[in-house]
Amino acid sequence: MIEPTLKYVPCPGPAAAGATAQEGHRMAYWEWNDTGDPRHPHVIVCAHGLSRQGRDFDTLARRLCRHARVVCPDVAGRGRSDWLTDPMDYQLPVYVADMLALLAQLHQQAPIVALDWVGTSMGGLLGMGICGVPDLPLPAPVRRLVLNDVGPCLEWQALQRIGQYLGQPAHFDSLQQAADALWVVSSTFGPHTSQEWLELSRAMVRPAPQGGFVLHYDPAIAVAFRALTPEAASAGEQQMWQLYDRIAAQVLLLRGTQSDLLSPQTAQQMTARGPRARLVEFAGVGHAPTLLHDDQVDVVARFLLDGQGEPAA
């Protein structure tokens, strides 16, 4: 079974813990390529949600990497990436700048001719920022954008729900214990077998110095998130709609029918304005589809690959 290669990109701006401002920080990313061409010109970036990491996309990446270079970053403070010195730097503008550094490095290594983006939750907001801000130094315009259970309007009650567990200290004696605890706050992801959930949880923890496991991310990512007020969220919503309306890429919008973050009303608005997203909903799933099961993976693969060896639409 093909496995990804772990790579890093130096990012200017906020300093990593223990580094100077001049040194910036490093962002890790997982690169998948089974095309036979290490310089394949089609790149697909898969960006994860708020408390997740790049290995969330293993199943989707294995499908896509036969046709493109698939790159799955660990956003700053998560996975194998550096933690930042100032917790208030854990915000979208910093993450977008990091993604630009990543794209520049990938383009320098091998020219990008076709660029697509898959973003789950926070990763979708990053995609809207990449696609909706004019004059960003992209190596190629984003051709197709997948927004997984996210839109310009985020329901406040869902943000409050996430804030209740984000950054809470936790220690686990085993991977299974960690998986069980993660399921308590992630059951909205929809039905998964015990083995599927265990595998999805594997990269969500790291070994603790005292033994056992702790969560993979910097608990301080919760600081800026918890500083968000309803008023600031409302102002941010207006800015995100402006970004969305400027998107020129084709957009596929995925939604769990039980999602508490992306309302049916917002999803319908997204199909009627701006890039007029194509909406696909998954029954029995909330926030957010994990892109692990065949029905979800098939929809994304068809959208991104034009049927290159994929099931016909």
C-alpha atoms as a PDB file:
ATOM      1  CA  MET A   1       0.000   0.000   0.000  1.00  0.00           C
ATOM      2  CA  ILE A   2       1.389   3.382  -0.976  1.00  0.00           C
ATOM      3  CA  GLU A   3       2.376   5.702   1.876  1.00  0.00           C
ATOM      4  CA  PRO A   4       3.055   9.450   1.823  1.00  0.00           C
ATOM      5  CA  THR A   5       6.375  11.246   2.196  1.00  0.00           C
ATOM      6  CA  LEU A   6       6.699  13.690   5.096  1.00  0.00           C
ATOM      7  CA  LYS A   7       8.178  17.018   4.002  1.00  0.00           C
ATOM      8  CA  TYR A   8       8.501  20.523   5.428  1.00  0.00           C
ATOM      9  CA  VAL A   9       8.264  24.092   4.192  1.00  0.00           C
ATOM     10  CA  PRO A  10       9.819  27.102   5.976  1.00  0.00           C
ATOM     11  CA  CYS A  11       7.200  29.786   6.604  1.00  0.00           C
ATOM     12  CA  PRO A  12       7.980  33.447   7.306  1.00  0.00           C
ATOM     13  CA  GLY A  13       6.049  35.383   9.898  1.00  0.00           C
ATOM     14  CA  PRO A  14       5.157  34.143  13.386  1.00  0.00           C
ATOM     15  CA  ALA A  15       7.957  32.419  15.242  1.00  0.00           C
ATOM     16  CA  ALA A  16       7.888  28.817  16.287  1.00  0.00           C
ATOM     17  CA  ALA A  17       8.197  28.018  19.968  1.00  0.00           C
ATOM     18  CA  GLY A  18      11.886  28.350  20.819  1.00  0.00           C
ATOM     19  CA  ALA A  19      12.734  30.192  17.577  1.00  0.00           C
ATOM     20  CA  THR A  20      13.288  33.844  16.749  1.00  0.00           C
ATOM     21  CA  ALA A  21      10.941  35.987  14.675  1.00  0.00           C
ATOM     22  CA  GLN A  22      13.520  35.968  11.885  1.00  0.00           C
ATOM     23  CA  GLU A  23      13.451  32.171  11.773  1.00  0.00           C
ATOM     24  CA  GLY A  24       9.667  31.912  11.418  1.00  0.00           C
ATOM     25  CA  HIS A  25       8.268  28.395  11.653  1.00  0.00           C
ATOM     26  CA  ARG A  26       8.067  25.152   9.683  1.00  0.00           C
ATOM     27  CA  MET A  27       4.904  23.577   8.355  1.00  0.00           C
ATOM     28  CA  ALA A  28       4.841  19.829   7.740  1.00  0.00           C
ATOM     29  CA  TYR A  29       3.031  18.280   4.807  1.00  0.00           C
ATOM     30  CA  TRP A  30       2.377  14.785   3.511  1.00  0.00           C
ATOM     31  CA  GLU A  31       2.949  14.289  -0.203  1.00  0.00           C
ATOM     32  CA  TRP A  32       1.304  11.437  -2.107  1.00  0.00           C
ATOM     33  CA  ASN A  33       2.272  10.555  -5.676  1.00  0.00           C
ATOM     34  CA  ASP A  34       1.612   7.263  -7.435  1.00  0.00           C
ATOM     35  CA  THR A  35       1.531   8.716 -10.960  1.00  0.00           C
ATOM     36  CA  GLY A  36       4.986   7.513 -11.969  1.00  0.00           C
ATOM     37  CA  ASP A  37       5.974  11.151 -12.523  1.00  0.00           C
ATOM     38  CA  PRO A  38       7.466  12.944  -9.477  1.00  0.00           C
ATOM     39  CA  ARG A  39       6.977  16.226 -11.346  1.00  0.00           C
ATOM     40  CA  HIS A  40       3.329  15.650 -12.228  1.00  0.00           C
ATOM     41  CA  PRO A  41       1.793  19.060 -13.081  1.00  0.00           C
ATOM     42  CA  HIS A  42      -1.577  18.458 -11.381  1.00  0.00           C
ATOM     43  CA  VAL A  43      -1.495  19.261  -7.644  1.00  0.00           C
ATOM     44  CA  ILE A  44      -4.379  18.721  -5.214  1.00  0.00           C
ATOM     45  CA  VAL A  45      -4.069  20.290  -1.756  1.00  0.00           C
ATOM     46  CA  CYS A  46      -6.176  18.739   1.019  1.00  0.00           C
ATOM     47  CA  ALA A  47      -6.552  20.977   4.081  1.00  0.00           C
ATOM     48  CA  HIS A  48      -7.957  19.641   7.368  1.00  0.00           C
ATOM     49  CA  GLY A  49     -10.293  20.950  10.036  1.00  0.00           C
ATOM     50  CA  LEU A  50      -9.603  22.994  13.169  1.00  0.00           C
ATOM     51  CA  SER A  51      -8.305  20.272  15.503  1.00  0.00           C
ATOM     52  CA  ARG A  52      -7.356  17.678  12.897  1.00  0.00           C
ATOM     53  CA  GLN A  53      -4.223  16.981  10.787  1.00  0.00           C
ATOM     54  CA  GLY A  54      -3.166  16.009   7.273  1.00  0.00           C
ATOM     55  CA  ARG A  55      -3.413  12.234   7.690  1.00  0.00           C
ATOM     56  CA  ASP A  56      -7.197  12.611   7.814  1.00  0.00           C
ATOM     57  CA  PHE A  57      -7.100  12.406   4.022  1.00  0.00           C
ATOM     58  CA  ASP A  58      -5.249   9.088   3.659  1.00  0.00           C
ATOM     59  CA  THR A  59      -8.144   7.239   2.005  1.00  0.00           C
ATOM     60  CA  LEU A  60      -8.985  10.063  -0.392  1.00  0.00           C
ATOM     61  CA  ALA A  61      -5.308  10.702  -1.157  1.00  0.00           C
ATOM     62  CA  ARG A  62      -4.691   7.064  -2.056  1.00  0.00           C
ATOM     63  CA  ARG A  63      -7.481   7.338  -4.625  1.00  0.00           C
ATOM     64  CA  LEU A  64      -6.377  10.666  -6.063  1.00  0.00           C
ATOM     65  CA  CYS A  65      -2.604  10.156  -6.089  1.00  0.00           C
ATOM     66  CA  ARG A  66      -2.788   7.837  -9.092  1.00  0.00           C
ATOM     67  CA  HIS A  67      -3.675  10.912 -11.125  1.00  0.00           C
ATOM     68  CA  ALA A  68      -2.049  13.875  -9.338  1.00  0.00           C
ATOM     69  CA  ARG A  69       0.404  14.977  -6.675  1.00  0.00           C
ATOM     70  CA  VAL A  70      -1.685  15.138  -3.504  1.00  0.00           C
ATOM     71  CA  VAL A  71      -0.397  17.339  -0.704  1.00  0.00           C
ATOM     72  CA  CYS A  72      -1.908  17.244   2.795  1.00  0.00           C
ATOM     73  CA  PRO A  73      -0.434  19.864   5.146  1.00  0.00           C
ATOM     74  CA  ASP A  74      -0.468  19.826   8.931  1.00  0.00           C
ATOM     75  CA  VAL A  75      -1.559  23.399   9.672  1.00  0.00           C
ATOM     76  CA  ALA A  76       0.693  25.242  12.156  1.00  0.00           C
ATOM     77  CA  GLY A  77       0.293  23.928  15.683  1.00  0.00           C
ATOM     78  CA  ARG A  78      -0.974  20.547  14.507  1.00  0.00           C
ATOM     79  CA  GLY A  79       0.538  17.185  13.629  1.00  0.00           C
ATOM     80  CA  ARG A  80       4.229  17.411  12.752  1.00  0.00           C
ATOM     81  CA  SER A  81       4.242  21.196  12.253  1.00  0.00           C
ATOM     82  CA  ASP A  82       5.843  23.691  14.628  1.00  0.00           C
ATOM     83  CA  TRP A  83       3.868  25.179  17.471  1.00  0.00           C
ATOM     84  CA  LEU A  84       3.756  28.992  17.471  1.00  0.00           C
ATOM     85  CA  THR A  85       5.053  31.204  20.277  1.00  0.00           C
ATOM     86  CA  ASP A  86       2.056  33.541  20.365  1.00  0.00           C
ATOM     87  CA  PRO A  87      -1.327  31.761  20.636  1.00  0.00           C
ATOM     88  CA  MET A  88      -3.063  34.691  18.932  1.00  0.00           C
ATOM     89  CA  ASP A  89      -1.170  33.838  15.742  1.00  0.00           C
ATOM     90  CA  TYR A  90      -3.335  30.740  15.321  1.00  0.00           C
ATOM     91  CA  GLN A  91      -5.634  32.504  12.867  1.00  0.00           C
ATOM     92  CA  LEU A  92      -6.650  32.263   9.206  1.00  0.00           C
ATOM     93  CA  PRO A  93      -4.378  35.013   7.780  1.00  0.00           C
ATOM     94  CA  VAL A  94      -1.305  33.203   9.134  1.00  0.00           C
ATOM     95  CA  TYR A  95      -2.529  29.882   7.770  1.00  0.00           C
ATOM     96  CA  VAL A  96      -3.204  31.367   4.319  1.00  0.00           C
ATOM     97  CA  ALA A  97       0.310  32.842   4.237  1.00  0.00           C
ATOM     98  CA  ASP A  98       1.702  29.412   5.141  1.00  0.00           C
ATOM     99  CA  MET A  99      -0.255  27.818   2.287  1.00  0.00           C
ATOM    100  CA  LEU A 100       1.186  30.363  -0.137  1.00  0.00           C
ATOM    101  CA  ALA A 101       4.679  29.408   1.043  1.00  0.00           C
ATOM    102  CA  LEU A 102       3.801  25.749   0.507  1.00  0.00           C
ATOM    103  CA  LEU A 103       2.484  26.344  -3.014  1.00  0.00           C
ATOM    104  CA  ALA A 104       5.570  28.386  -3.894  1.00  0.00           C
ATOM    105  CA  GLN A 105       7.854  25.551  -2.741  1.00  0.00           C
ATOM    106  CA  LEU A 106       5.866  22.929  -4.634  1.00  0.00           C
ATOM    107  CA  HIS A 107       5.919  25.063  -7.782  1.00  0.00           C
ATOM    108  CA  GLN A 108       9.672  25.551  -7.483  1.00  0.00           C
ATOM    109  CA  GLN A 109      10.176  21.806  -7.150  1.00  0.00           C
ATOM    110  CA  ALA A 110       7.972  21.031 -10.176  1.00  0.00           C
ATOM    111  CA  PRO A 111       5.806  23.540 -12.081  1.00  0.00           C
ATOM    112  CA  ILE A 112       2.113  23.425 -11.140  1.00  0.00           C
ATOM    113  CA  VAL A 113      -0.139  23.605 -14.189  1.00  0.00           C
ATOM    114  CA  ALA A 114      -3.457  22.505 -12.626  1.00  0.00           C
ATOM    115  CA  LEU A 115      -4.276  23.276  -8.980  1.00  0.00           C
ATOM    116  CA  ASP A 116      -7.261  21.964  -6.984  1.00  0.00           C
ATOM    117  CA  TRP A 117      -8.199  22.363  -3.321  1.00  0.00           C
ATOM    118  CA  VAL A 118     -10.111  20.122  -0.908  1.00  0.00           C
ATOM    119  CA  GLY A 119     -10.928  21.746   2.419  1.00  0.00           C
ATOM    120  CA  THR A 120     -12.746  20.275   5.398  1.00  0.00           C
ATOM    121  CA  SER A 121     -14.240  22.865   7.765  1.00  0.00           C
ATOM    122  CA  MET A 122     -11.329  25.232   8.577  1.00  0.00           C
ATOM    123  CA  GLY A 123      -9.503  23.887   5.525  1.00  0.00           C
ATOM    124  CA  GLY A 124     -12.450  25.030   3.419  1.00  0.00           C
ATOM    125  CA  LEU A 125     -12.205  28.534   4.879  1.00  0.00           C
ATOM    126  CA  LEU A 126      -8.544  28.514   3.849  1.00  0.00           C
ATOM    127  CA  GLY A 127      -9.626  27.461   0.363  1.00  0.00           C
ATOM    128  CA  MET A 128     -12.050  30.375   0.185  1.00  0.00           C
ATOM    129  CA  GLY A 129      -9.246  32.698   1.245  1.00  0.00           C
ATOM    130  CA  ILE A 130      -6.879  31.277  -1.372  1.00  0.00           C
ATOM    131  CA  CYS A 131      -9.515  31.500  -4.111  1.00  0.00           C
ATOM    132  CA  GLY A 132     -11.329  34.688  -3.138  1.00  0.00           C
ATOM    133  CA  VAL A 133      -8.513  37.161  -2.480  1.00  0.00           C
ATOM    134  CA  PRO A 134      -7.458  38.828  -5.737  1.00  0.00           C
ATOM    135  CA  ASP A 135      -3.810  39.063  -6.759  1.00  0.00           C
ATOM    136  CA  LEU A 136      -2.449  36.384  -4.429  1.00  0.00           C
ATOM    137  CA  PRO A 137       0.846  35.005  -5.794  1.00  0.00           C
ATOM    138  CA  LEU A 138      -0.530  31.595  -6.775  1.00  0.00           C
ATOM    139  CA  PRO A 139       1.483  29.401  -9.175  1.00  0.00           C
ATOM    140  CA  ALA A 140      -1.786  28.650 -10.986  1.00  0.00           C
ATOM    141  CA  PRO A 141      -5.381  29.652 -10.294  1.00  0.00           C
ATOM    142  CA  VAL A 142      -7.398  27.116  -8.329  1.00  0.00           C
ATOM    143  CA  ARG A 143      -9.407  25.178 -10.889  1.00  0.00           C
ATOM    144  CA  ARG A 144     -11.750  23.198  -8.635  1.00  0.00           C
ATOM    145  CA  LEU A 145     -12.579  23.710  -4.980  1.00  0.00           C
ATOM    146  CA  VAL A 146     -14.225  21.185  -2.656  1.00  0.00           C
ATOM    147  CA  LEU A 147     -15.787  22.718   0.466  1.00  0.00           C
ATOM    148  CA  ASN A 148     -16.494  19.964   2.981  1.00  0.00           C
ATOM    149  CA  ASP A 149     -19.293  21.021   5.344  1.00  0.00           C
ATOM    150  CA  VAL A 150     -18.304  24.672   5.554  1.00  0.00           C
ATOM    151  CA  GLY A 151     -19.455  27.983   4.161  1.00  0.00           C
ATOM    152  CA  PRO A 152     -19.226  31.731   4.792  1.00  0.00           C
ATOM    153  CA  CYS A 153     -21.798  31.506   7.600  1.00  0.00           C
ATOM    154  CA  LEU A 154     -20.884  29.279  10.551  1.00  0.00           C
ATOM    155  CA  GLU A 155     -23.605  28.529  13.075  1.00  0.00           C
ATOM    156  CA  TRP A 156     -22.730  30.061  16.459  1.00  0.00           C
ATOM    157  CA  GLN A 157     -24.053  27.120  18.494  1.00  0.00           C
ATOM    158  CA  ALA A 158     -21.725  24.761  16.623  1.00  0.00           C
ATOM    159  CA  LEU A 159     -18.750  27.029  17.306  1.00  0.00           C
ATOM    160  CA  GLN A 160     -19.678  26.983  20.991  1.00  0.00           C
ATOM    161  CA  ARG A 161     -19.889  23.177  20.915  1.00  0.00           C
ATOM    162  CA  ILE A 162     -16.402  22.928  19.417  1.00  0.00           C
ATOM    163  CA  GLY A 163     -15.032  25.416  21.924  1.00  0.00           C
ATOM    164  CA  GLN A 164     -16.134  23.202  24.815  1.00  0.00           C
ATOM    165  CA  TYR A 165     -13.569  20.511  23.984  1.00  0.00           C
ATOM    166  CA  LEU A 166     -10.911  22.316  21.938  1.00  0.00           C
ATOM    167  CA  GLY A 167      -7.607  22.569  23.803  1.00  0.00           C
ATOM    168  CA  GLN A 168      -8.749  20.679  26.888  1.00  0.00           C
ATOM    169  CA  PRO A 169      -5.833  18.745  28.452  1.00  0.00           C
ATOM    170  CA  ALA A 170      -6.028  15.005  27.950  1.00  0.00           C
ATOM    171  CA  HIS A 171      -3.772  12.015  28.542  1.00  0.00           C
ATOM    172  CA  PHE A 172      -4.474   8.506  27.265  1.00  0.00           C
ATOM    173  CA  ASP A 173      -2.950   5.220  28.319  1.00  0.00           C
ATOM    174  CA  SER A 174      -3.470   3.634  24.901  1.00  0.00           C
ATOM    175  CA  LEU A 175      -4.468   4.429  21.332  1.00  0.00           C
ATOM    176  CA  GLN A 176      -7.784   2.673  21.903  1.00  0.00           C
ATOM    177  CA  GLN A 177      -8.511   4.838  24.925  1.00  0.00           C
ATOM    178  CA  ALA A 178      -7.721   7.923  22.842  1.00  0.00           C
ATOM    179  CA  ALA A 179      -9.967   6.739  20.018  1.00  0.00           C
ATOM    180  CA  ASP A 180     -12.824   6.160  22.464  1.00  0.00           C
ATOM    181  CA  ALA A 181     -12.430   9.656  23.908  1.00  0.00           C
ATOM    182  CA  LEU A 182     -12.235  11.267  20.484  1.00  0.00           C
ATOM    183  CA  TRP A 183     -15.413   9.493  19.434  1.00  0.00           C
ATOM    184  CA  VAL A 184     -17.316  11.177  22.255  1.00  0.00           C
ATOM    185  CA  VAL A 185     -16.678  14.600  20.668  1.00  0.00           C
ATOM    186  CA  SER A 186     -16.673  13.395  17.050  1.00  0.00           C
ATOM    187  CA  SER A 187     -19.728  11.161  16.729  1.00  0.00           C
ATOM    188  CA  THR A 188     -21.240  13.761  14.360  1.00  0.00           C
ATOM    189  CA  PHE A 189     -18.765  12.462  11.759  1.00  0.00           C
ATOM    190  CA  GLY A 190     -21.272   9.688  11.080  1.00  0.00           C
ATOM    191  CA  PRO A 191     -21.146   5.881  11.318  1.00  0.00           C
ATOM    192  CA  HIS A 192     -17.692   4.252  11.326  1.00  0.00           C
ATOM    193  CA  THR A 193     -16.584   0.776  12.275  1.00  0.00           C
ATOM    194  CA  SER A 194     -14.379   0.421  15.334  1.00  0.00           C
ATOM    195  CA  GLN A 195     -11.383  -0.317  13.094  1.00  0.00           C
ATOM    196  CA  GLU A 196     -12.057   2.656  10.815  1.00  0.00           C
ATOM    197  CA  TRP A 197     -12.242   4.988  13.786  1.00  0.00           C
ATOM    198  CA  LEU A 198      -9.108   3.537  15.370  1.00  0.00           C
ATOM    199  CA  GLU A 199      -7.162   4.150  12.149  1.00  0.00           C
ATOM    200  CA  LEU A 200      -8.582   7.656  11.800  1.00  0.00           C
ATOM    201  CA  SER A 201      -7.512   8.367  15.392  1.00  0.00           C
ATOM    202  CA  ARG A 202      -3.941   7.084  15.041  1.00  0.00           C
ATOM    203  CA  ALA A 203      -2.466  10.394  13.846  1.00  0.00           C
ATOM    204  CA  MET A 204      -4.567  12.368  16.319  1.00  0.00           C
ATOM    205  CA  VAL A 205      -2.200  11.583  19.193  1.00  0.00           C
ATOM    206  CA  ARG A 206       1.531  11.589  19.852  1.00  0.00           C
ATOM    207  CA  PRO A 207       3.602   9.810  22.497  1.00  0.00           C
ATOM    208  CA  ALA A 208       3.778  11.635  25.821  1.00  0.00           C
ATOM    209  CA  PRO A 209       7.167  12.043  27.584  1.00  0.00           C
ATOM    210  CA  GLN A 210       5.763  10.365  30.688  1.00  0.00           C
ATOM    211  CA  GLY A 211       4.309   7.494  28.652  1.00  0.00           C
ATOM    212  CA  GLY A 212       0.956   7.036  27.023  1.00  0.00           C
ATOM    213  CA  PHE A 213      -0.404   9.562  24.533  1.00  0.00           C
ATOM    214  CA  VAL A 214      -1.545  13.171  24.288  1.00  0.00           C
ATOM    215  CA  LEU A 215      -3.400  14.993  21.532  1.00  0.00           C
ATOM    216  CA  HIS A 216      -1.314  15.918  18.511  1.00  0.00           C
ATOM    217  CA  TYR A 217      -1.974  19.669  18.620  1.00  0.00           C
ATOM    218  CA  ASP A 218      -0.895  22.698  20.646  1.00  0.00           C
ATOM    219  CA  PRO A 219      -3.650  23.334  23.240  1.00  0.00           C
ATOM    220  CA  ALA A 220      -3.087  27.039  22.617  1.00  0.00           C
ATOM    221  CA  ILE A 221      -4.940  26.837  19.291  1.00  0.00           C
ATOM    222  CA  ALA A 222      -8.031  27.283  21.469  1.00  0.00           C
ATOM    223  CA  VAL A 223      -6.995  30.752  22.683  1.00  0.00           C
ATOM    224  CA  ALA A 224      -7.820  32.726  19.540  1.00  0.00           C
ATOM    225  CA  PHE A 225     -10.835  30.509  18.864  1.00  0.00           C
ATOM    226  CA  ARG A 226     -12.342  31.209  22.281  1.00  0.00           C
ATOM    227  CA  ALA A 227     -11.707  34.934  21.866  1.00  0.00           C
ATOM    228  CA  LEU A 228     -14.258  34.970  19.043  1.00  0.00           C
ATOM    229  CA  THR A 229     -17.478  36.830  19.896  1.00  0.00           C
ATOM    230  CA  PRO A 230     -20.848  36.702  18.131  1.00  0.00           C
ATOM    231  CA  GLU A 231     -20.200  40.237  16.886  1.00  0.00           C
ATOM    232  CA  ALA A 232     -16.793  39.318  15.469  1.00  0.00           C
ATOM    233  CA  ALA A 233     -18.265  36.172  13.924  1.00  0.00           C
ATOM    234  CA  SER A 234     -20.958  38.253  12.209  1.00  0.00           C
ATOM    235  CA  ALA A 235     -18.373  40.664  10.806  1.00  0.00           C
ATOM    236  CA  GLY A 236     -16.255  37.737   9.646  1.00  0.00           C
ATOM    237  CA  GLU A 237     -19.284  36.244   7.927  1.00  0.00           C
ATOM    238  CA  GLN A 238     -19.678  39.330   5.762  1.00  0.00           C
ATOM    239  CA  GLN A 239     -16.008  39.145   4.773  1.00  0.00           C
ATOM    240  CA  MET A 240     -16.296  35.442   3.952  1.00  0.00           C
ATOM    241  CA  TRP A 241     -19.319  36.034   1.708  1.00  0.00           C
ATOM    242  CA  GLN A 242     -17.275  38.642  -0.161  1.00  0.00           C
ATOM    243  CA  LEU A 243     -14.516  36.070  -0.640  1.00  0.00           C
ATOM    244  CA  TYR A 244     -16.999  33.426  -1.711  1.00  0.00           C
ATOM    245  CA  ASP A 245     -18.621  35.681  -4.287  1.00  0.00           C
ATOM    246  CA  ARG A 246     -15.225  36.331  -5.919  1.00  0.00           C
ATOM    247  CA  ILE A 247     -14.350  32.644  -6.369  1.00  0.00           C
ATOM    248  CA  ALA A 248     -13.797  31.773 -10.031  1.00  0.00           C
ATOM    249  CA  ALA A 249     -13.135  28.055  -9.456  1.00  0.00           C
ATOM    250  CA  GLN A 250     -15.774  25.389  -9.913  1.00  0.00           C
ATOM    251  CA  VAL A 251     -17.091  24.533  -6.435  1.00  0.00           C
ATOM    252  CA  LEU A 252     -18.386  21.272  -4.990  1.00  0.00           C
ATOM    253  CA  LEU A 253     -20.100  21.724  -1.619  1.00  0.00           C
ATOM    254  CA  LEU A 254     -20.432  18.669   0.615  1.00  0.00           C
ATOM    255  CA  ARG A 255     -22.782  18.707   3.588  1.00  0.00           C
ATOM    256  CA  GLY A 256     -23.824  16.230   6.231  1.00  0.00           C
ATOM    257  CA  THR A 257     -27.600  16.399   6.471  1.00  0.00           C
ATOM    258  CA  GLN A 258     -27.296  16.608  10.261  1.00  0.00           C
ATOM    259  CA  SER A 259     -24.564  19.260  10.249  1.00  0.00           C
ATOM    260  CA  ASP A 260     -24.860  21.899  12.961  1.00  0.00           C
ATOM    261  CA  LEU A 261     -22.109  24.096  11.453  1.00  0.00           C
ATOM    262  CA  LEU A 262     -23.371  24.508   7.874  1.00  0.00           C
ATOM    263  CA  SER A 263     -27.112  25.162   7.822  1.00  0.00           C
ATOM    264  CA  PRO A 264     -29.366  24.075   4.928  1.00  0.00           C
ATOM    265  CA  GLN A 265     -30.138  27.750   4.314  1.00  0.00           C
ATOM    266  CA  THR A 266     -26.463  28.701   3.934  1.00  0.00           C
ATOM    267  CA  ALA A 267     -25.837  25.708   1.668  1.00  0.00           C
ATOM    268  CA  GLN A 268     -28.720  26.716  -0.583  1.00  0.00           C
ATOM    269  CA  GLN A 269     -27.436  30.297  -0.729  1.00  0.00           C
ATOM    270  CA  MET A 270     -24.071  28.975  -1.850  1.00  0.00           C
ATOM    271  CA  THR A 271     -25.699  27.211  -4.794  1.00  0.00           C
ATOM    272  CA  ALA A 272     -27.405  30.425  -5.908  1.00  0.00           C
ATOM    273  CA  ARG A 273     -24.663  33.066  -5.685  1.00  0.00           C
ATOM    274  CA  GLY A 274     -20.979  33.537  -6.442  1.00  0.00           C
ATOM    275  CA  PRO A 275     -19.549  30.363  -8.020  1.00  0.00           C
ATOM    276  CA  ARG A 276     -22.931  28.607  -7.614  1.00  0.00           C
ATOM    277  CA  ALA A 277     -21.660  25.517  -5.863  1.00  0.00           C
ATOM    278  CA  ARG A 278     -22.917  22.068  -6.718  1.00  0.00           C
ATOM    279  CA  LEU A 279     -24.360  20.657  -3.479  1.00  0.00           C
ATOM    280  CA  VAL A 280     -24.100  16.994  -2.447  1.00  0.00           C
ATOM    281  CA  GLU A 281     -25.481  15.907   0.933  1.00  0.00           C
ATOM    282  CA  PHE A 282     -24.791  12.735   2.903  1.00  0.00           C
ATOM    283  CA  ALA A 283     -27.539  11.238   5.054  1.00  0.00           C
ATOM    284  CA  GLY A 284     -26.804  10.203   8.626  1.00  0.00           C
ATOM    285  CA  VAL A 285     -23.748  12.474   8.860  1.00  0.00           C
ATOM    286  CA  GLY A 286     -23.256  15.730  10.757  1.00  0.00           C
ATOM    287  CA  HIS A 287     -20.151  17.889  10.894  1.00  0.00           C
ATOM    288  CA  ALA A 288     -18.183  16.764   9.018  1.00  0.00           C
ATOM    289  CA  PRO A 289     -18.009  13.935   6.447  1.00  0.00           C
ATOM    290  CA  THR A 290     -14.649  12.185   6.903  1.00  0.00           C
ATOM    291  CA  LEU A 291     -14.141  11.411   3.187  1.00  0.00           C
ATOM    292  CA  LEU A 292     -13.359   7.864   4.227  1.00  0.00           C
ATOM    293  CA  HIS A 293     -16.282   5.946   2.750  1.00  0.00           C
ATOM    294  CA  ASP A 294     -16.723   5.077  -0.916  1.00  0.00           C
ATOM    295  CA  ASP A 295     -19.793   7.240  -1.541  1.00  0.00           C
ATOM    296  CA  GLN A 296     -17.996  10.332  -0.264  1.00  0.00           C
ATOM    297  CA  VAL A 297     -14.673   9.569  -1.951  1.00  0.00           C
ATOM    298  CA  ASP A 298     -16.358   8.785  -5.291  1.00  0.00           C
ATOM    299  CA  VAL A 299     -18.127  12.166  -5.400  1.00  0.00           C
ATOM    300  CA  VAL A 300     -14.875  14.062  -4.784  1.00  0.00           C
ATOM    301  CA  ALA A 301     -12.834  11.935  -7.196  1.00  0.00           C
ATOM    302  CA  ARG A 302     -15.329  12.379 -10.020  1.00  0.00           C
ATOM    303  CA  PHE A 303     -15.381  16.131  -9.486  1.00  0.00           C
ATOM    304  CA  LEU A 304     -11.597  16.521  -9.438  1.00  0.00           C
ATOM    305  CA  LEU A 305     -10.463  13.943 -11.973  1.00  0.00           C
ATOM    306  CA  ASP A 306     -12.930  14.172 -14.850  1.00  0.00           C
ATOM    307  CA  GLY A 307     -13.447  10.426 -14.698  1.00  0.00           C
ATOM    308  CA  GLN A 308      -9.757   9.523 -15.152  1.00  0.00           C
ATOM    309  CA  GLY A 309     -10.091   5.870 -14.245  1.00  0.00           C
ATOM    310  CA  GLU A 310     -12.884   6.779 -11.814  1.00  0.00           C
ATOM    311  CA  PRO A 311     -16.523   5.639 -11.713  1.00  0.00           C
ATOM    312  CA  ALA A 312     -18.723   7.394 -14.247  1.00  0.00           C
ATOM    313  CA  ALA A 313     -20.898  10.142 -12.850  1.00  0.00           C
END
